[in-house]
PDB file of N, CA and C in Angstrom:
ATOM      1  N   MET A   1      -8.878  28.588  21.919  1.00  0.00           N
ATOM      2  CA  MET A   1      -8.702  28.676  20.471  1.00  0.00           C
ATOM      3  C   MET A   1      -7.760  29.848  20.189  1.00  0.00           C
ATOM      4  N   ALA A   2      -6.788  29.645  19.347  1.00  0.00           N
ATOM      5  CA  ALA A   2      -5.807  30.684  19.054  1.00  0.00           C
ATOM      6  C   ALA A   2      -6.385  31.678  18.057  1.00  0.00           C
ATOM      7  N   ASN A   3      -6.074  32.937  18.277  1.00  0.00           N
ATOM      8  CA  ASN A   3      -6.492  33.967  17.332  1.00  0.00           C
ATOM      9  C   ASN A   3      -5.479  34.000  16.208  1.00  0.00           C
ATOM     10  N   THR A   4      -5.928  33.655  15.019  1.00  0.00           N
ATOM     11  CA  THR A   4      -5.034  33.659  13.863  1.00  0.00           C
ATOM     12  C   THR A   4      -5.463  34.748  12.909  1.00  0.00           C
ATOM     13  N   GLN A   5      -4.536  35.179  12.092  1.00  0.00           N
ATOM     14  CA  GLN A   5      -4.835  36.219  11.120  1.00  0.00           C
ATOM     15  C   GLN A   5      -4.592  35.681   9.726  1.00  0.00           C
ATOM     16  N   GLY A   6      -5.417  36.118   8.798  1.00  0.00           N
ATOM     17  CA  GLY A   6      -5.294  35.704   7.410  1.00  0.00           C
ATOM     18  C   GLY A   6      -4.144  36.415   6.738  1.00  0.00           C
ATOM     19  N   PRO A   7      -4.023  36.231   5.425  1.00  0.00           N
ATOM     20  CA  PRO A   7      -2.895  36.811   4.703  1.00  0.00           C
ATOM     21  C   PRO A   7      -2.881  38.341   4.715  1.00  0.00           C
ATOM     22  N   GLN A   8      -4.040  39.002   4.773  1.00  0.00           N
ATOM     23  CA  GLN A   8      -4.083  40.461   4.790  1.00  0.00           C
ATOM     24  C   GLN A   8      -4.223  41.003   6.214  1.00  0.00           C
ATOM     25  N   GLY A   9      -4.077  40.151   7.218  1.00  0.00           N
ATOM     26  CA  GLY A   9      -4.200  40.600   8.586  1.00  0.00           C
ATOM     27  C   GLY A   9      -5.635  40.558   9.086  1.00  0.00           C
ATOM     28  N   ASN A  10      -6.555  39.979   8.318  1.00  0.00           N
ATOM     29  CA  ASN A  10      -7.942  39.864   8.752  1.00  0.00           C
ATOM     30  C   ASN A  10      -8.048  38.788   9.822  1.00  0.00           C
ATOM     31  N   TYR A  11      -8.938  39.010  10.792  1.00  0.00           N
ATOM     32  CA  TYR A  11      -9.134  38.059  11.866  1.00  0.00           C
ATOM     33  C   TYR A  11      -9.814  36.807  11.330  1.00  0.00           C
ATOM     34  N   ASP A  12      -9.271  35.653  11.626  1.00  0.00           N
ATOM     35  CA  ASP A  12      -9.825  34.377  11.183  1.00  0.00           C
ATOM     36  C   ASP A  12     -10.177  33.569  12.430  1.00  0.00           C
ATOM     37  N   PRO A  13     -11.426  33.674  12.913  1.00  0.00           N
ATOM     38  CA  PRO A  13     -11.760  33.051  14.203  1.00  0.00           C
ATOM     39  C   PRO A  13     -11.647  31.528  14.187  1.00  0.00           C
ATOM     40  N   ALA A  14     -11.876  30.886  13.052  1.00  0.00           N
ATOM     41  CA  ALA A  14     -11.813  29.432  13.005  1.00  0.00           C
ATOM     42  C   ALA A  14     -10.400  28.930  12.748  1.00  0.00           C
ATOM     43  N   GLY A  15      -9.510  29.795  12.334  1.00  0.00           N
ATOM     44  CA  GLY A  15      -8.160  29.366  12.000  1.00  0.00           C
ATOM     45  C   GLY A  15      -8.112  28.544  10.733  1.00  0.00           C
ATOM     46  N   SER A  16      -9.116  28.688   9.863  1.00  0.00           N
ATOM     47  CA  SER A  16      -9.187  27.858   8.666  1.00  0.00           C
ATOM     48  C   SER A  16      -8.062  28.170   7.692  1.00  0.00           C
ATOM     49  N   THR A  17      -7.626  29.412   7.635  1.00  0.00           N
ATOM     50  CA  THR A  17      -6.531  29.767   6.733  1.00  0.00           C
ATOM     51  C   THR A  17      -5.259  29.034   7.143  1.00  0.00           C
ATOM     52  N   GLN A  18      -5.007  29.007   8.456  1.00  0.00           N
ATOM     53  CA  GLN A  18      -3.812  28.333   8.944  1.00  0.00           C
ATOM     54  C   GLN A  18      -3.903  26.831   8.673  1.00  0.00           C
ATOM     55  N   MET A  19      -5.070  26.231   8.885  1.00  0.00           N
ATOM     56  CA  MET A  19      -5.229  24.794   8.625  1.00  0.00           C
ATOM     57  C   MET A  19      -5.099  24.507   7.128  1.00  0.00           C
ATOM     58  N   PHE A  20      -5.646  25.396   6.286  1.00  0.00           N
ATOM     59  CA  PHE A  20      -5.552  25.193   4.846  1.00  0.00           C
ATOM     60  C   PHE A  20      -4.103  25.266   4.389  1.00  0.00           C
ATOM     61  N   ARG A  21      -3.372  26.237   4.893  1.00  0.00           N
ATOM     62  CA  ARG A  21      -1.968  26.360   4.498  1.00  0.00           C
ATOM     63  C   ARG A  21      -1.163  25.152   4.955  1.00  0.00           C
ATOM     64  N   ALA A  22      -1.464  24.627   6.138  1.00  0.00           N
ATOM     65  CA  ALA A  22      -0.759  23.433   6.614  1.00  0.00           C
ATOM     66  C   ALA A  22      -1.078  22.250   5.710  1.00  0.00           C
ATOM     67  N   PHE A  23      -2.331  22.162   5.238  1.00  0.00           N
ATOM     68  CA  PHE A  23      -2.723  21.076   4.341  1.00  0.00           C
ATOM     69  C   PHE A  23      -2.016  21.210   2.998  1.00  0.00           C
ATOM     70  N   VAL A  24      -1.960  22.422   2.449  1.00  0.00           N
ATOM     71  CA  VAL A  24      -1.345  22.646   1.141  1.00  0.00           C
ATOM     72  C   VAL A  24       0.163  22.432   1.216  1.00  0.00           C
ATOM     73  N   ASP A  25       0.770  22.823   2.329  1.00  0.00           N
ATOM     74  CA  ASP A  25       2.214  22.701   2.461  1.00  0.00           C
ATOM     75  C   ASP A  25       2.669  21.252   2.591  1.00  0.00           C
ATOM     76  N   GLU A  26       1.760  20.334   2.953  1.00  0.00           N
ATOM     77  CA  GLU A  26       2.128  18.924   3.031  1.00  0.00           C
ATOM     78  C   GLU A  26       2.195  18.365   1.619  1.00  0.00           C
ATOM     79  N   ALA A  27       3.398  18.252   1.094  1.00  0.00           N
ATOM     80  CA  ALA A  27       3.562  17.703  -0.255  1.00  0.00           C
ATOM     81  C   ALA A  27       3.430  16.188  -0.183  1.00  0.00           C
ATOM     82  N   PRO A  28       2.653  15.584  -1.074  1.00  0.00           N
ATOM     83  CA  PRO A  28       2.533  14.119  -1.050  1.00  0.00           C
ATOM     84  C   PRO A  28       3.859  13.470  -1.396  1.00  0.00           C
ATOM     85  N   GLN A  29       4.239  12.475  -0.630  1.00  0.00           N
ATOM     86  CA  GLN A  29       5.487  11.768  -0.874  1.00  0.00           C
ATOM     87  C   GLN A  29       5.247  10.707  -1.934  1.00  0.00           C
ATOM     88  N   GLY A  30       6.159  10.590  -2.881  1.00  0.00           N
ATOM     89  CA  GLY A  30       5.992   9.659  -3.993  1.00  0.00           C
ATOM     90  C   GLY A  30       5.842   8.213  -3.547  1.00  0.00           C
ATOM     91  N   GLY A  31       6.669   7.759  -2.608  1.00  0.00           N
ATOM     92  CA  GLY A  31       6.607   6.379  -2.160  1.00  0.00           C
ATOM     93  C   GLY A  31       5.317   6.072  -1.418  1.00  0.00           C
ATOM     94  N   GLN A  32       4.898   6.977  -0.557  1.00  0.00           N
ATOM     95  CA  GLN A  32       3.676   6.753   0.203  1.00  0.00           C
ATOM     96  C   GLN A  32       2.464   6.786  -0.718  1.00  0.00           C
ATOM     97  N   GLN A  33       2.452   7.674  -1.678  1.00  0.00           N
ATOM     98  CA  GLN A  33       1.317   7.786  -2.591  1.00  0.00           C
ATOM     99  C   GLN A  33       1.209   6.538  -3.457  1.00  0.00           C
ATOM    100  N   GLN A  34       2.332   5.992  -3.875  1.00  0.00           N
ATOM    101  CA  GLN A  34       2.320   4.791  -4.716  1.00  0.00           C
ATOM    102  C   GLN A  34       1.785   3.605  -3.940  1.00  0.00           C
ATOM    103  N   GLN A  35       2.156   3.477  -2.674  1.00  0.00           N
ATOM    104  CA  GLN A  35       1.670   2.369  -1.861  1.00  0.00           C
ATOM    105  C   GLN A  35       0.177   2.495  -1.625  1.00  0.00           C
ATOM    106  N   ALA A  36      -0.299   3.693  -1.422  1.00  0.00           N
ATOM    107  CA  ALA A  36      -1.719   3.895  -1.156  1.00  0.00           C
ATOM    108  C   ALA A  36      -2.564   3.582  -2.390  1.00  0.00           C
ATOM    109  N   SER A  37      -2.052   3.861  -3.583  1.00  0.00           N
ATOM    110  CA  SER A  37      -2.839   3.644  -4.792  1.00  0.00           C
ATOM    111  C   SER A  37      -2.763   2.202  -5.288  1.00  0.00           C
ATOM    112  N   SER A  38      -1.827   1.401  -4.789  1.00  0.00           N
ATOM    113  CA  SER A  38      -1.724   0.031  -5.280  1.00  0.00           C
ATOM    114  C   SER A  38      -2.857  -0.836  -4.735  1.00  0.00           C
ATOM    115  N   GLY A  39      -3.387  -0.536  -3.568  1.00  0.00           N
ATOM    116  CA  GLY A  39      -4.477  -1.324  -2.997  1.00  0.00           C
ATOM    117  C   GLY A  39      -5.735  -1.273  -3.839  1.00  0.00           C
ATOM    118  N   PRO A  40      -6.268  -0.094  -4.123  1.00  0.00           N
ATOM    119  CA  PRO A  40      -7.474  -0.029  -4.959  1.00  0.00           C
ATOM    120  C   PRO A  40      -7.252  -0.581  -6.360  1.00  0.00           C
ATOM    121  N   ARG A  41      -6.067  -0.471  -6.891  1.00  0.00           N
ATOM    122  CA  ARG A  41      -5.792  -0.986  -8.239  1.00  0.00           C
ATOM    123  C   ARG A  41      -5.883  -2.501  -8.236  1.00  0.00           C
ATOM    124  N   ILE A  42      -5.357  -3.148  -7.219  1.00  0.00           N
ATOM    125  CA  ILE A  42      -5.438  -4.608  -7.127  1.00  0.00           C
ATOM    126  C   ILE A  42      -6.896  -5.025  -6.977  1.00  0.00           C
ATOM    127  N   GLY A  43      -7.647  -4.299  -6.174  1.00  0.00           N
ATOM    128  CA  GLY A  43      -9.067  -4.595  -6.007  1.00  0.00           C
ATOM    129  C   GLY A  43      -9.834  -4.463  -7.304  1.00  0.00           C
ATOM    130  N   LEU A  44      -9.493  -3.460  -8.092  1.00  0.00           N
ATOM    131  CA  LEU A  44     -10.151  -3.265  -9.383  1.00  0.00           C
ATOM    132  C   LEU A  44      -9.842  -4.416 -10.332  1.00  0.00           C
ATOM    133  N   ILE A  45      -8.594  -4.839 -10.374  1.00  0.00           N
ATOM    134  CA  ILE A  45      -8.205  -5.941 -11.254  1.00  0.00           C
ATOM    135  C   ILE A  45      -8.925  -7.221 -10.838  1.00  0.00           C
ATOM    136  N   VAL A  46      -8.970  -7.498  -9.540  1.00  0.00           N
ATOM    137  CA  VAL A  46      -9.658  -8.697  -9.060  1.00  0.00           C
ATOM    138  C   VAL A  46     -11.142  -8.621  -9.396  1.00  0.00           C
ATOM    139  N   GLY A  47     -11.741  -7.438  -9.244  1.00  0.00           N
ATOM    140  CA  GLY A  47     -13.154  -7.270  -9.577  1.00  0.00           C
ATOM    141  C   GLY A  47     -13.446  -7.523 -11.048  1.00  0.00           C
ATOM    142  N   VAL A  48     -12.575  -7.037 -11.907  1.00  0.00           N
ATOM    143  CA  VAL A  48     -12.763  -7.249 -13.352  1.00  0.00           C
ATOM    144  C   VAL A  48     -12.618  -8.730 -13.697  1.00  0.00           C
ATOM    145  N   VAL A  49     -11.633  -9.407 -13.102  1.00  0.00           N
ATOM    146  CA  VAL A  49     -11.442 -10.840 -13.368  1.00  0.00           C
ATOM    147  C   VAL A  49     -12.657 -11.626 -12.900  1.00  0.00           C
ATOM    148  N   VAL A  50     -13.191 -11.288 -11.724  1.00  0.00           N
ATOM    149  CA  VAL A  50     -14.375 -11.988 -11.212  1.00  0.00           C
ATOM    150  C   VAL A  50     -15.575 -11.723 -12.113  1.00  0.00           C
ATOM    151  N   ALA A  51     -15.748 -10.491 -12.570  1.00  0.00           N
ATOM    152  CA  ALA A  51     -16.877 -10.162 -13.449  1.00  0.00           C
ATOM    153  C   ALA A  51     -16.778 -10.932 -14.765  1.00  0.00           C
ATOM    154  N   VAL A  52     -15.588 -11.021 -15.343  1.00  0.00           N
ATOM    155  CA  VAL A  52     -15.405 -11.771 -16.594  1.00  0.00           C
ATOM    156  C   VAL A  52     -15.695 -13.247 -16.364  1.00  0.00           C
ATOM    157  N   ALA A  53     -15.260 -13.788 -15.232  1.00  0.00           N
ATOM    158  CA  ALA A  53     -15.521 -15.200 -14.933  1.00  0.00           C
ATOM    159  C   ALA A  53     -17.016 -15.457 -14.788  1.00  0.00           C
ATOM    160  N   ILE A  54     -17.740 -14.547 -14.153  1.00  0.00           N
ATOM    161  CA  ILE A  54     -19.190 -14.710 -13.992  1.00  0.00           C
ATOM    162  C   ILE A  54     -19.887 -14.652 -15.345  1.00  0.00           C
ATOM    163  N   VAL A  55     -19.509 -13.696 -16.178  1.00  0.00           N
ATOM    164  CA  VAL A  55     -20.116 -13.579 -17.514  1.00  0.00           C
ATOM    165  C   VAL A  55     -19.818 -14.822 -18.337  1.00  0.00           C
ATOM    166  N   ALA A  56     -18.596 -15.346 -18.251  1.00  0.00           N
ATOM    167  CA  ALA A  56     -18.233 -16.550 -18.991  1.00  0.00           C
ATOM    168  C   ALA A  56     -19.044 -17.750 -18.494  1.00  0.00           C
ATOM    169  N   ALA A  57     -19.221 -17.869 -17.179  1.00  0.00           N
ATOM    170  CA  ALA A  57     -19.986 -18.986 -16.617  1.00  0.00           C
ATOM    171  C   ALA A  57     -21.453 -18.907 -17.054  1.00  0.00           C
ATOM    172  N   VAL A  58     -22.035 -17.721 -17.025  1.00  0.00           N
ATOM    173  CA  VAL A  58     -23.437 -17.551 -17.449  1.00  0.00           C
ATOM    174  C   VAL A  58     -23.568 -17.870 -18.929  1.00  0.00           C
ATOM    175  N   ALA A  59     -22.643 -17.404 -19.741  1.00  0.00           N
ATOM    176  CA  ALA A  59     -22.696 -17.689 -21.178  1.00  0.00           C
ATOM    177  C   ALA A  59     -22.543 -19.189 -21.440  1.00  0.00           C
ATOM    178  N   TRP A  60     -21.648 -19.849 -20.710  1.00  0.00           N
ATOM    179  CA  TRP A  60     -21.444 -21.275 -20.878  1.00  0.00           C
ATOM    180  C   TRP A  60     -22.708 -22.053 -20.512  1.00  0.00           C
ATOM    181  N   LEU A  61     -23.349 -21.652 -19.397  1.00  0.00           N
ATOM    182  CA  LEU A  61     -24.598 -22.316 -18.997  1.00  0.00           C
ATOM    183  C   LEU A  61     -25.733 -22.046 -19.985  1.00  0.00           C
ATOM    184  N   ALA A  62     -25.778 -20.854 -20.543  1.00  0.00           N
ATOM    185  CA  ALA A  62     -26.842 -20.509 -21.483  1.00  0.00           C
ATOM    186  C   ALA A  62     -26.677 -21.261 -22.799  1.00  0.00           C
ATOM    187  N   LEU A  63     -25.452 -21.531 -23.216  1.00  0.00           N
ATOM    188  CA  LEU A  63     -25.203 -22.194 -24.487  1.00  0.00           C
ATOM    189  C   LEU A  63     -25.134 -23.715 -24.356  1.00  0.00           C
ATOM    190  N   LYS A  64     -25.184 -24.202 -23.165  1.00  0.00           N
ATOM    191  CA  LYS A  64     -25.045 -25.636 -22.928  1.00  0.00           C
ATOM    192  C   LYS A  64     -26.289 -26.393 -23.342  1.00  0.00           C
TER     193      LYS A  64
END
């Protein structure tokens, strides 16, 4: 395990400061972020359409 030092020169045995800075320095890319968010959005739309269809079917059967 590498001995890393924090911003004030304090010993950081876990290296968490270095890992945190590497995480923060990774700027999200616009294209990659858009592709990742389109999947859950499609799932949400499909879920809402299915829920509306189920409610409509139950209402139709109840009023029949």
